Amino acid sequence: MLTTTHYQILRHINAGGPTTRAELGAHVGSSKAAMSGFTRELLEKGLLRETSTVQKQGRPSALLDLKPEGAYFAGVSIMSDPALVALVDLKGKIVARIDVPRDTDPDVFADHVANAVPQLLETGKVPGKSLMGMGVALSGLVDQEQANCIKSTILGWQDVPLARLIGQRTGLPTFVENDAKSLALREKLFGEARDIGSFTLIWLGKGIGAAHFVHDRLYRGAHGGAGEIAHCTVDVNGLPCRCGKIGCLDTVASMIAILETARTQGIGAESLNDIETAAARGSSAAIRLLHRAGSALGLAIAQIIQINDPQMVLVTHQEQAFNGLFAAVMQQTIEANVLPRLSGDTPLRIRGVDNDAWALGAASVATHSFLNGSI
């Protein structure tokens, strides 16, 4: 059994990379002899490895790092059709992947996932005992226990105990998370936010989502709804939203809303790229549309910066064209509506994501649970 100190060691190395026993002891507050015992146990369990040595005063010190094949996690992304199931090692590398049908019947979908696990292990040449847990990423609202899909409009699900359905079939600890929070966990464990305590991730796709890390913890809110910026009101006289309210951000700046508005205004567009092209060619309708959407999203992000004061804001998207007028207006709006001190001290980064990113995000949900002693 791993102790709290063992997990502290694993989390510290995950966040900061290879380190020495002395540095670990200073971080954990443990004596040299005790730290030698803790790290020896982690080496024996195959969770750590010695990578190299550093020459300091006295004897050279060995660097300790996570052992990639020490533990594996499955990630199920229901963000695409077909869904993607991936096998991910302890360092965040995908070693095997399988597409499965995205059936909207939860029981049938759970069967598909369970049937994919043996093939994943065989493809990745991974023993079953090394698979520690499974994470599932979906678009929708998830409860704070990471067990139930409270509501997913895209999947047509409400109050679905997805973790239990999949866990019963696979025998694996299973955790469910929504899209933005899954990506944020991926960034915290394996991406740009590894050494950042507080940051916000924005997801722009068919819908809009957000996730917040505060003091190294994913903030879920009292009911699991933290980050639901899609349903912040940006136009009190706006369009009805699928949530039942009026003028939500989702009705203005999501890709569904942008493309629907383009259609109603006679802009022939199948993607954001088409609208950007039309704007570049002088279409006043396309220019107005991109200005309105970019301003709304930028204003929402500016309010997040004012309220949370994160160390970084990461905007993620799946659009090929995200370097045109829409993104420019978004950034200009953020800068214009944030106090100058906060604007200058809050880096804004933009990144595209693919299907692998969702699967890795899903696996990160399980990896995060493991590193925090929940598996």
Protein backbone atom coordinates (compact mmCIF):
# COMPACT_ATOMS: atom_id res chain seq x y z
CA MET A 1 0.00 0.00 0.00
CA LEU A 2 1.22 3.46 -0.87
CA THR A 3 1.23 6.12 1.84
CA THR A 4 0.50 9.84 1.68
CA THR A 5 4.24 10.47 1.41
CA HIS A 6 4.57 8.10 -1.54
CA TYR A 7 1.88 10.03 -3.38
CA GLN A 8 3.52 13.34 -2.48
CA ILE A 9 6.73 12.10 -4.07
CA LEU A 10 4.98 10.96 -7.24
CA ARG A 11 3.09 14.25 -7.59
CA HIS A 12 6.20 16.32 -7.02
CA ILE A 13 8.17 14.46 -9.69
CA ASN A 14 5.22 14.60 -12.08
CA ALA A 15 5.05 18.38 -11.71
CA GLY A 16 8.74 19.20 -11.67
CA GLY A 17 10.47 16.40 -13.51
CA PRO A 18 13.46 14.30 -12.40
CA THR A 19 14.85 15.25 -9.00
CA THR A 20 17.13 13.99 -6.25
CA ARG A 21 16.29 12.28 -2.99
CA ALA A 22 17.61 15.29 -1.11
CA GLU A 23 15.28 17.65 -2.98
CA LEU A 24 12.38 15.30 -2.36
CA GLY A 25 13.19 15.17 1.32
CA ALA A 26 13.22 18.95 1.53
CA HIS A 27 9.87 19.15 -0.28
CA VAL A 28 8.17 16.48 1.80
CA GLY A 29 9.86 17.39 5.08
CA SER A 30 11.40 13.96 5.56
CA SER A 31 14.79 12.88 6.82
CA LYS A 32 17.40 11.52 4.44
CA ALA A 33 17.05 8.01 5.85
CA ALA A 34 13.25 8.04 5.64
CA MET A 35 13.30 9.41 2.10
CA SER A 36 15.69 6.66 1.04
CA GLY A 37 13.14 4.15 2.32
CA PHE A 38 10.20 5.78 0.55
CA THR A 39 11.98 6.05 -2.78
CA ARG A 40 13.33 2.50 -2.52
CA GLU A 41 9.77 1.24 -2.10
CA LEU A 42 8.62 3.20 -5.15
CA LEU A 43 11.54 1.83 -7.16
CA GLU A 44 10.67 -1.70 -6.09
CA LYS A 45 7.03 -1.17 -7.10
CA GLY A 46 8.22 -0.02 -10.52
CA LEU A 47 6.74 3.48 -10.22
CA LEU A 48 10.11 5.28 -10.17
CA ARG A 49 13.37 4.85 -12.05
CA GLU A 50 16.86 6.32 -11.73
CA THR A 51 17.67 8.27 -14.85
CA SER A 52 21.05 9.94 -14.41
CA THR A 53 23.29 11.57 -11.85
CA VAL A 54 24.18 15.14 -11.03
CA GLN A 55 27.53 16.18 -9.61
CA LYS A 56 27.22 18.40 -6.57
CA GLN A 57 29.39 18.84 -3.52
CA GLY A 58 30.42 15.43 -2.24
CA ARG A 59 28.98 12.30 -3.84
CA PRO A 60 27.05 12.41 -7.12
CA SER A 61 23.28 12.30 -6.65
CA ALA A 62 20.98 10.09 -8.72
CA LEU A 63 17.95 11.69 -10.35
CA LEU A 64 14.61 9.97 -9.85
CA ASP A 65 11.84 10.10 -12.44
CA LEU A 66 8.47 8.46 -12.99
CA LYS A 67 8.77 5.12 -14.77
CA PRO A 68 6.48 5.32 -17.83
CA GLU A 69 5.54 1.65 -17.76
CA GLY A 70 5.01 1.69 -13.98
CA ALA A 71 1.27 2.27 -14.40
CA TYR A 72 -1.20 2.66 -17.25
CA PHE A 73 -4.57 4.36 -17.55
CA ALA A 74 -7.35 4.08 -20.10
CA GLY A 75 -8.94 7.21 -21.51
CA VAL A 76 -12.33 7.18 -23.20
CA SER A 77 -13.22 10.21 -25.29
CA ILE A 78 -16.90 10.58 -26.21
CA MET A 79 -16.09 13.89 -27.90
CA SER A 80 -15.95 12.30 -31.35
CA ASP A 81 -17.98 9.75 -33.28
CA PRO A 82 -16.74 7.05 -33.18
CA ALA A 83 -15.51 7.39 -29.61
CA LEU A 84 -11.82 6.84 -28.93
CA VAL A 85 -10.38 4.60 -26.22
CA ALA A 86 -6.66 5.02 -25.55
CA LEU A 87 -4.08 3.37 -23.31
CA VAL A 88 -1.74 5.92 -21.70
CA ASP A 89 1.39 5.39 -19.64
CA LEU A 90 2.39 7.18 -16.44
CA LYS A 91 4.24 9.88 -18.41
CA GLY A 92 1.24 10.73 -20.59
CA LYS A 93 2.18 8.86 -23.77
CA ILE A 94 -0.52 7.06 -25.74
CA VAL A 95 0.69 3.51 -26.42
CA ALA A 96 -2.47 2.08 -28.02
CA ARG A 97 -5.82 3.39 -29.31
CA ILE A 98 -9.09 1.86 -30.52
CA ASP A 99 -12.22 3.43 -32.01
CA VAL A 100 -15.55 2.21 -30.59
CA PRO A 101 -19.13 3.10 -31.62
CA ARG A 102 -20.50 6.13 -29.77
CA ASP A 103 -23.79 4.51 -28.91
CA THR A 104 -26.19 6.81 -27.08
CA ASP A 105 -27.54 3.88 -25.05
CA PRO A 106 -25.29 4.04 -21.93
CA ASP A 107 -25.41 0.30 -21.31
CA VAL A 108 -24.49 -0.54 -24.89
CA PHE A 109 -21.72 2.05 -24.88
CA ALA A 110 -20.32 0.61 -21.64
CA ASP A 111 -20.25 -2.80 -23.32
CA HIS A 112 -18.27 -1.36 -26.25
CA VAL A 113 -15.72 0.17 -23.88
CA ALA A 114 -15.33 -3.03 -21.87
CA ASN A 115 -14.85 -5.08 -25.03
CA ALA A 116 -12.08 -2.72 -26.16
CA VAL A 117 -9.94 -3.08 -23.02
CA PRO A 118 -8.42 -6.54 -23.75
CA GLN A 119 -7.55 -5.45 -27.29
CA LEU A 120 -5.95 -2.27 -25.97
CA LEU A 121 -3.77 -4.25 -23.58
CA GLU A 122 -2.78 -6.70 -26.30
CA THR A 123 -1.95 -3.95 -28.78
CA GLY A 124 0.08 -2.03 -26.21
CA LYS A 125 1.73 -5.22 -24.89
CA VAL A 126 0.71 -4.22 -21.37
CA PRO A 127 -0.17 -6.72 -18.60
CA GLY A 128 -3.66 -6.27 -17.20
CA LYS A 129 -2.38 -5.74 -13.65
CA SER A 130 -0.64 -2.54 -14.80
CA LEU A 131 -3.91 -0.91 -15.86
CA MET A 132 -4.85 1.12 -12.80
CA GLY A 133 -7.99 2.98 -13.81
CA MET A 134 -10.10 4.57 -16.51
CA GLY A 135 -11.25 8.11 -17.21
CA VAL A 136 -14.10 9.21 -19.47
CA ALA A 137 -14.39 12.66 -21.08
CA LEU A 138 -17.72 13.90 -22.39
CA SER A 139 -19.54 17.09 -23.26
CA GLY A 140 -21.97 17.82 -20.47
CA LEU A 141 -22.38 18.38 -16.76
CA VAL A 142 -20.75 15.85 -14.41
CA ASP A 143 -21.31 15.56 -10.66
CA GLN A 144 -18.54 16.43 -8.23
CA GLU A 145 -17.98 12.76 -7.40
CA GLN A 146 -16.96 12.21 -11.04
CA ALA A 147 -19.43 9.33 -11.23
CA ASN A 148 -22.56 10.51 -13.02
CA CYS A 149 -23.35 12.40 -16.18
CA ILE A 150 -25.98 14.79 -14.88
CA LYS A 151 -26.86 16.04 -18.36
CA SER A 152 -25.36 15.87 -21.85
CA THR A 153 -27.43 17.48 -24.58
CA ILE A 154 -25.23 16.09 -27.34
CA LEU A 155 -25.53 12.51 -26.08
CA GLY A 156 -29.12 12.86 -24.91
CA TRP A 157 -28.16 11.65 -21.42
CA GLN A 158 -29.55 12.72 -18.07
CA ASP A 159 -28.57 11.29 -14.68
CA VAL A 160 -26.54 8.46 -16.20
CA PRO A 161 -24.31 6.56 -13.70
CA LEU A 162 -21.63 6.09 -16.33
CA ALA A 163 -18.72 5.37 -13.97
CA ARG A 164 -20.66 2.53 -12.38
CA LEU A 165 -21.80 1.09 -15.73
CA ILE A 166 -18.27 0.98 -17.12
CA GLY A 167 -16.60 0.05 -13.83
CA GLN A 168 -18.87 -2.97 -13.34
CA ARG A 169 -17.97 -4.28 -16.79
CA THR A 170 -14.23 -3.62 -16.69
CA GLY A 171 -13.44 -4.09 -13.00
CA LEU A 172 -11.53 -0.80 -13.14
CA PRO A 173 -11.89 2.30 -10.97
CA THR A 174 -13.66 4.64 -13.39
CA PHE A 175 -14.02 8.42 -13.25
CA VAL A 176 -16.12 10.67 -15.48
CA GLU A 177 -15.30 14.29 -16.28
CA ASN A 178 -16.55 16.96 -18.64
CA ASP A 179 -14.60 18.13 -21.68
CA ALA A 180 -12.96 21.32 -20.39
CA LYS A 181 -11.97 19.85 -17.03
CA SER A 182 -10.46 16.82 -18.77
CA LEU A 183 -8.28 19.07 -20.94
CA ALA A 184 -7.29 21.10 -17.89
CA LEU A 185 -6.17 17.95 -16.07
CA ARG A 186 -4.14 16.97 -19.12
CA GLU A 187 -2.41 20.38 -19.09
CA LYS A 188 -1.78 20.16 -15.36
CA LEU A 189 -0.22 16.69 -15.52
CA PHE A 190 1.53 16.68 -18.88
CA GLY A 191 1.34 20.13 -20.49
CA GLU A 192 2.12 23.81 -20.07
CA ALA A 193 0.53 24.06 -16.62
CA ARG A 194 2.62 21.39 -14.85
CA ASP A 195 4.36 23.96 -12.67
CA ILE A 196 1.48 26.47 -12.49
CA GLY A 197 -0.75 26.48 -9.44
CA SER A 198 -3.64 28.57 -10.79
CA PHE A 199 -4.82 28.74 -14.38
CA THR A 200 -7.98 28.76 -16.48
CA LEU A 201 -8.63 26.68 -19.57
CA ILE A 202 -11.29 27.73 -22.08
CA TRP A 203 -12.69 25.20 -24.54
CA LEU A 204 -14.29 26.51 -27.73
CA GLY A 205 -16.08 23.96 -29.87
CA LYS A 206 -19.69 23.22 -30.68
CA GLY A 207 -20.23 24.56 -27.17
CA ILE A 208 -18.05 26.55 -24.79
CA GLY A 209 -16.57 25.38 -21.50
CA ALA A 210 -14.04 26.41 -18.91
CA ALA A 211 -12.06 24.82 -16.09
CA HIS A 212 -10.15 26.43 -13.26
CA PHE A 213 -7.18 25.22 -11.25
CA VAL A 214 -6.82 27.19 -8.01
CA HIS A 215 -3.83 26.54 -5.75
CA ASP A 216 -3.04 23.26 -7.55
CA ARG A 217 -6.60 21.95 -7.22
CA LEU A 218 -9.26 21.59 -9.88
CA TYR A 219 -12.09 23.80 -8.71
CA ARG A 220 -15.50 22.16 -9.25
CA GLY A 221 -17.75 24.43 -7.22
CA ALA A 222 -20.31 23.33 -4.66
CA HIS A 223 -22.35 21.31 -7.16
CA GLY A 224 -19.79 20.43 -9.84
CA GLY A 225 -20.87 23.30 -12.09
CA ALA A 226 -17.85 25.60 -11.88
CA GLY A 227 -16.73 26.65 -15.36
CA GLU A 228 -20.15 26.72 -17.04
CA ILE A 229 -19.39 30.01 -18.79
CA ALA A 230 -21.41 28.93 -21.84
CA HIS A 231 -24.52 29.93 -19.93
CA CYS A 232 -23.37 33.29 -18.65
CA THR A 233 -25.74 35.93 -19.99
CA VAL A 234 -24.07 38.24 -22.52
CA ASP A 235 -27.18 39.67 -24.22
CA VAL A 236 -30.34 40.14 -22.12
CA ASN A 237 -32.33 40.67 -25.32
CA GLY A 238 -30.65 37.82 -27.16
CA LEU A 239 -31.69 34.45 -28.50
CA PRO A 240 -33.17 31.60 -26.46
CA CYS A 241 -30.56 29.11 -25.30
CA ARG A 242 -30.95 25.34 -25.12
CA CYS A 243 -30.62 25.68 -21.33
CA GLY A 244 -33.87 27.65 -21.20
CA LYS A 245 -32.33 31.08 -20.57
CA ILE A 246 -31.96 34.03 -22.93
CA GLY A 247 -28.78 35.46 -24.45
CA CYS A 248 -26.20 32.99 -23.11
CA LEU A 249 -22.63 33.11 -24.37
CA ASP A 250 -23.36 29.79 -26.07
CA THR A 251 -25.92 31.50 -28.34
CA VAL A 252 -23.33 34.00 -29.57
CA ALA A 253 -19.81 32.55 -29.57
CA SER A 254 -20.04 28.75 -29.82
CA MET A 255 -19.29 27.18 -33.19
CA ILE A 256 -22.90 25.99 -33.46
CA ALA A 257 -24.14 29.55 -32.91
CA ILE A 258 -21.58 31.13 -35.23
CA LEU A 259 -22.36 28.78 -38.12
CA GLU A 260 -26.13 29.06 -37.57
CA THR A 261 -25.90 32.86 -37.62
CA ALA A 262 -23.80 32.70 -40.78
CA ARG A 263 -26.48 30.56 -42.42
CA THR A 264 -29.33 32.91 -41.48
CA GLN A 265 -27.35 35.90 -42.76
CA GLY A 266 -26.61 34.31 -46.11
CA ILE A 267 -22.92 33.67 -45.52
CA GLY A 268 -22.11 30.39 -47.25
CA ALA A 269 -20.02 28.72 -44.54
CA GLU A 270 -19.35 25.21 -43.30
CA SER A 271 -16.57 26.20 -40.89
CA LEU A 272 -14.99 29.14 -39.11
CA ASN A 273 -12.40 29.17 -41.88
CA ASP A 274 -15.13 29.90 -44.44
CA ILE A 275 -16.40 32.84 -42.40
CA GLU A 276 -12.88 34.20 -41.92
CA THR A 277 -12.33 33.94 -45.68
CA ALA A 278 -15.56 35.80 -46.37
CA ALA A 279 -14.55 38.52 -43.89
CA ALA A 280 -11.13 38.84 -45.49
CA ARG A 281 -12.86 39.35 -48.84
CA GLY A 282 -14.88 42.23 -47.43
CA SER A 283 -18.17 40.63 -46.38
CA SER A 284 -19.68 43.11 -43.91
CA ALA A 285 -21.99 40.40 -42.54
CA ALA A 286 -19.05 38.06 -41.84
CA ILE A 287 -17.07 40.89 -40.24
CA ARG A 288 -19.99 41.81 -37.95
CA LEU A 289 -20.52 38.19 -37.00
CA LEU A 290 -16.88 37.61 -36.08
CA HIS A 291 -16.72 40.90 -34.16
CA ARG A 292 -19.84 40.04 -32.15
CA ALA A 293 -18.71 36.50 -31.33
CA GLY A 294 -15.11 37.45 -30.59
CA SER A 295 -16.17 40.36 -28.37
CA ALA A 296 -18.59 38.19 -26.37
CA LEU A 297 -16.01 35.46 -25.75
CA GLY A 298 -13.29 37.99 -24.97
CA LEU A 299 -15.51 39.78 -22.46
CA ALA A 300 -16.33 36.49 -20.70
CA ILE A 301 -12.63 35.64 -20.44
CA ALA A 302 -11.85 39.15 -19.18
CA GLN A 303 -14.35 38.69 -16.35
CA ILE A 304 -12.72 35.38 -15.41
CA ILE A 305 -9.32 37.09 -15.26
CA GLN A 306 -10.75 39.88 -13.09
CA ILE A 307 -12.44 37.43 -10.71
CA ASN A 308 -9.87 34.60 -10.48
CA ASP A 309 -6.58 36.35 -11.36
CA PRO A 310 -5.07 33.17 -12.89
CA GLN A 311 -1.40 32.80 -13.76
CA MET A 312 -2.35 31.80 -17.30
CA VAL A 313 -5.37 31.49 -19.58
CA LEU A 314 -5.24 28.74 -22.18
CA VAL A 315 -7.81 28.87 -25.00
CA THR A 316 -8.25 25.52 -26.73
CA HIS A 317 -10.15 24.87 -29.96
CA GLN A 318 -10.63 22.40 -32.80
CA GLU A 319 -10.92 24.95 -35.58
CA GLN A 320 -8.31 25.13 -38.34
CA ALA A 321 -8.70 28.90 -38.66
CA PHE A 322 -8.08 30.46 -35.29
CA ASN A 323 -5.59 33.14 -36.21
CA GLY A 324 -7.93 35.55 -37.99
CA LEU A 325 -10.43 38.25 -37.08
CA PHE A 326 -12.33 36.21 -34.49
CA ALA A 327 -9.22 35.50 -32.40
CA ALA A 328 -7.90 39.05 -32.85
CA VAL A 329 -11.15 40.60 -31.62
CA MET A 330 -11.26 38.16 -28.69
CA GLN A 331 -7.75 39.16 -27.59
CA GLN A 332 -8.39 42.88 -28.08
CA THR A 333 -11.56 42.65 -25.99
CA ILE A 334 -9.71 40.87 -23.19
CA GLU A 335 -7.00 43.53 -23.15
CA ALA A 336 -9.56 46.36 -23.19
CA ASN A 337 -11.61 44.99 -20.31
CA VAL A 338 -8.98 43.80 -17.85
CA LEU A 339 -7.11 46.05 -15.45
CA PRO A 340 -3.76 46.84 -17.12
CA ARG A 341 -1.77 45.19 -14.33
CA LEU A 342 -3.68 41.92 -14.64
CA SER A 343 -3.69 42.01 -18.44
CA GLY A 344 0.06 42.42 -18.58
CA ASP A 345 0.68 39.68 -16.02
CA THR A 346 -1.76 37.07 -17.39
CA PRO A 347 -0.38 35.22 -20.43
CA LEU A 348 -3.03 34.19 -22.99
CA ARG A 349 -2.13 31.10 -24.98
CA ILE A 350 -4.09 29.53 -27.81
CA ARG A 351 -3.85 25.90 -28.85
CA GLY A 352 -5.65 23.53 -31.16
CA VAL A 353 -6.60 20.06 -29.96
CA ASP A 354 -7.26 16.79 -31.78
CA ASN A 355 -8.99 13.53 -30.86
CA ASP A 356 -5.85 12.21 -29.18
CA ALA A 357 -5.92 15.23 -26.84
CA TRP A 358 -9.40 14.27 -25.64
CA ALA A 359 -8.40 10.66 -25.01
CA LEU A 360 -5.30 11.81 -23.16
CA GLY A 361 -7.44 14.23 -21.19
CA ALA A 362 -9.76 11.40 -20.24
CA ALA A 363 -6.83 9.23 -19.13
CA SER A 364 -5.51 12.20 -17.17
CA VAL A 365 -8.69 12.12 -15.08
CA ALA A 366 -7.76 8.63 -13.89
CA THR A 367 -4.05 9.48 -13.60
CA HIS A 368 -4.89 12.47 -11.43
CA SER A 369 -7.01 10.26 -9.17
CA PHE A 370 -4.15 7.78 -8.89
CA LEU A 371 -1.57 10.43 -8.01
CA ASN A 372 -3.90 11.77 -5.33
CA GLY A 373 -4.42 8.35 -3.76
CA SER A 374 -8.00 7.82 -4.92
CA ILE A 375 -7.22 4.53 -6.71
